Amino acid sequence: MSITLSIEVDDVNSLHETAKSRGYDIVYPLTDEPWGVRRFHVKDPNGVTINVMCHSIK
């Protein structure tokens, strides 16, 4: 079984920097998607992939 969790945050850039500095397993880089979100994926110690994202401000 595969579990993916999405969490919308106010400041995805700050959380990405925190995740990198703590050595978390980032499995999808910080990316501006064409459908208007900025996101990255991090894997937790249990193997759950977490999609951390925010809607892009135009």
N, C-alpha and C. Protein backbone atom coordinates (compact mmCIF):
# COMPACT_ATOMS: atom_id res chain seq x y z
N MET A 1 0.84 -1.17 0.00
CA MET A 1 0.00 0.00 0.00
C MET A 1 0.89 1.24 0.00
N SER A 2 0.47 2.26 -0.75
CA SER A 2 1.21 3.51 -0.84
C SER A 2 0.33 4.65 -0.33
N ILE A 3 0.90 5.48 0.53
CA ILE A 3 0.15 6.61 1.08
C ILE A 3 0.85 7.90 0.68
N THR A 4 0.07 8.86 0.20
CA THR A 4 0.57 10.20 -0.10
C THR A 4 -0.34 11.19 0.60
N LEU A 5 0.26 12.17 1.23
CA LEU A 5 -0.47 13.18 1.97
C LEU A 5 -0.12 14.54 1.40
N SER A 6 -1.12 15.41 1.20
CA SER A 6 -0.87 16.77 0.73
C SER A 6 -1.19 17.75 1.84
N ILE A 7 -0.29 18.71 2.03
CA ILE A 7 -0.48 19.75 3.03
C ILE A 7 -0.24 21.09 2.37
N GLU A 8 -1.23 21.98 2.47
CA GLU A 8 -1.08 23.34 1.93
C GLU A 8 -0.58 24.25 3.04
N VAL A 9 0.46 25.01 2.73
CA VAL A 9 1.10 25.89 3.71
C VAL A 9 1.17 27.31 3.17
N ASP A 10 1.48 28.26 4.06
CA ASP A 10 1.61 29.66 3.64
C ASP A 10 2.98 29.95 3.03
N ASP A 11 4.03 29.28 3.53
CA ASP A 11 5.39 29.61 3.10
C ASP A 11 6.16 28.32 2.76
N VAL A 12 5.95 27.82 1.56
CA VAL A 12 6.58 26.57 1.13
C VAL A 12 8.10 26.72 1.03
N ASN A 13 8.58 27.91 0.69
CA ASN A 13 10.02 28.13 0.56
C ASN A 13 10.73 27.93 1.91
N SER A 14 10.17 28.49 2.95
CA SER A 14 10.75 28.35 4.29
C SER A 14 10.75 26.89 4.74
N LEU A 15 9.66 26.19 4.52
CA LEU A 15 9.59 24.79 4.93
C LEU A 15 10.55 23.92 4.12
N HIS A 16 10.75 24.26 2.85
CA HIS A 16 11.71 23.53 2.03
C HIS A 16 13.12 23.72 2.59
N GLU A 17 13.48 24.94 2.94
CA GLU A 17 14.80 25.21 3.52
C GLU A 17 14.99 24.46 4.84
N THR A 18 13.95 24.44 5.66
CA THR A 18 14.01 23.71 6.93
C THR A 18 14.21 22.21 6.69
N ALA A 19 13.46 21.67 5.75
CA ALA A 19 13.57 20.23 5.44
C ALA A 19 14.98 19.90 4.95
N LYS A 20 15.54 20.75 4.08
CA LYS A 20 16.90 20.53 3.58
C LYS A 20 17.92 20.60 4.71
N SER A 21 17.79 21.61 5.57
CA SER A 21 18.77 21.79 6.64
C SER A 21 18.74 20.66 7.66
N ARG A 22 17.60 20.01 7.78
CA ARG A 22 17.46 18.88 8.72
C ARG A 22 17.78 17.54 8.07
N GLY A 23 18.09 17.55 6.79
CA GLY A 23 18.47 16.32 6.10
C GLY A 23 17.32 15.41 5.76
N TYR A 24 16.11 15.97 5.65
CA TYR A 24 14.95 15.15 5.30
C TYR A 24 15.09 14.63 3.87
N ASP A 25 14.43 13.54 3.59
CA ASP A 25 14.48 12.88 2.28
C ASP A 25 13.53 13.58 1.31
N ILE A 26 14.04 14.57 0.57
CA ILE A 26 13.23 15.29 -0.42
C ILE A 26 13.26 14.48 -1.71
N VAL A 27 12.08 13.99 -2.10
CA VAL A 27 12.00 13.07 -3.24
C VAL A 27 11.45 13.74 -4.50
N TYR A 28 11.06 15.01 -4.40
CA TYR A 28 10.63 15.81 -5.55
C TYR A 28 11.06 17.24 -5.23
N PRO A 29 11.86 17.86 -6.08
CA PRO A 29 12.44 19.17 -5.74
C PRO A 29 11.38 20.28 -5.72
N LEU A 30 11.72 21.38 -5.08
CA LEU A 30 10.85 22.55 -5.05
C LEU A 30 10.61 23.00 -6.48
N THR A 31 9.34 23.03 -6.88
CA THR A 31 8.98 23.25 -8.28
C THR A 31 7.76 24.15 -8.39
N ASP A 32 7.79 25.06 -9.36
CA ASP A 32 6.60 25.84 -9.73
C ASP A 32 5.90 25.06 -10.84
N GLU A 33 4.71 24.54 -10.51
CA GLU A 33 3.96 23.73 -11.48
C GLU A 33 3.13 24.64 -12.39
N PRO A 34 2.90 24.20 -13.64
CA PRO A 34 2.16 25.04 -14.59
C PRO A 34 0.70 25.27 -14.19
N TRP A 35 0.16 24.48 -13.27
CA TRP A 35 -1.24 24.66 -12.86
C TRP A 35 -1.37 25.57 -11.64
N GLY A 36 -0.27 26.26 -11.25
CA GLY A 36 -0.38 27.32 -10.26
C GLY A 36 -0.06 26.95 -8.83
N VAL A 37 0.72 25.90 -8.62
CA VAL A 37 1.17 25.60 -7.27
C VAL A 37 2.69 25.52 -7.24
N ARG A 38 3.26 25.80 -6.08
CA ARG A 38 4.69 25.62 -5.82
C ARG A 38 4.76 24.54 -4.77
N ARG A 39 5.59 23.50 -5.01
CA ARG A 39 5.57 22.35 -4.11
C ARG A 39 6.87 21.59 -4.10
N PHE A 40 7.00 20.74 -3.09
CA PHE A 40 8.04 19.73 -3.03
C PHE A 40 7.47 18.52 -2.30
N HIS A 41 8.10 17.38 -2.47
CA HIS A 41 7.67 16.15 -1.78
C HIS A 41 8.79 15.71 -0.85
N VAL A 42 8.41 15.32 0.34
CA VAL A 42 9.35 14.80 1.32
C VAL A 42 8.81 13.47 1.84
N LYS A 43 9.71 12.54 2.10
CA LYS A 43 9.30 11.22 2.60
C LYS A 43 9.55 11.18 4.10
N ASP A 44 8.52 10.77 4.87
CA ASP A 44 8.69 10.68 6.31
C ASP A 44 9.34 9.35 6.68
N PRO A 45 9.74 9.16 7.94
CA PRO A 45 10.45 7.93 8.33
C PRO A 45 9.64 6.65 8.11
N ASN A 46 8.31 6.76 7.99
CA ASN A 46 7.47 5.59 7.75
C ASN A 46 7.28 5.30 6.27
N GLY A 47 7.87 6.12 5.41
CA GLY A 47 7.75 5.92 3.97
C GLY A 47 6.59 6.66 3.33
N VAL A 48 5.89 7.49 4.09
CA VAL A 48 4.77 8.26 3.55
C VAL A 48 5.33 9.48 2.82
N THR A 49 4.88 9.69 1.59
CA THR A 49 5.28 10.86 0.82
C THR A 49 4.34 12.00 1.14
N ILE A 50 4.92 13.15 1.49
CA ILE A 50 4.13 14.33 1.84
C ILE A 50 4.38 15.39 0.78
N ASN A 51 3.30 15.82 0.13
CA ASN A 51 3.31 16.88 -0.87
C ASN A 51 3.08 18.18 -0.11
N VAL A 52 4.14 18.98 0.05
CA VAL A 52 4.04 20.27 0.75
C VAL A 52 3.90 21.33 -0.33
N MET A 53 2.80 22.09 -0.30
CA MET A 53 2.53 23.00 -1.41
C MET A 53 1.84 24.27 -0.97
N CYS A 54 1.89 25.27 -1.86
CA CYS A 54 1.09 26.48 -1.71
C CYS A 54 0.65 26.91 -3.10
N HIS A 55 -0.43 27.64 -3.15
CA HIS A 55 -0.87 28.20 -4.43
C HIS A 55 -0.01 29.40 -4.76
N SER A 56 0.41 29.49 -5.99
CA SER A 56 1.26 30.59 -6.43
C SER A 56 0.45 31.88 -6.43
N ILE A 57 1.11 32.95 -6.05
CA ILE A 57 0.47 34.26 -6.06
C ILE A 57 0.90 34.97 -7.34
N LYS A 58 -0.05 35.39 -8.09
CA LYS A 58 0.21 36.07 -9.37
C LYS A 58 0.22 37.56 -9.17
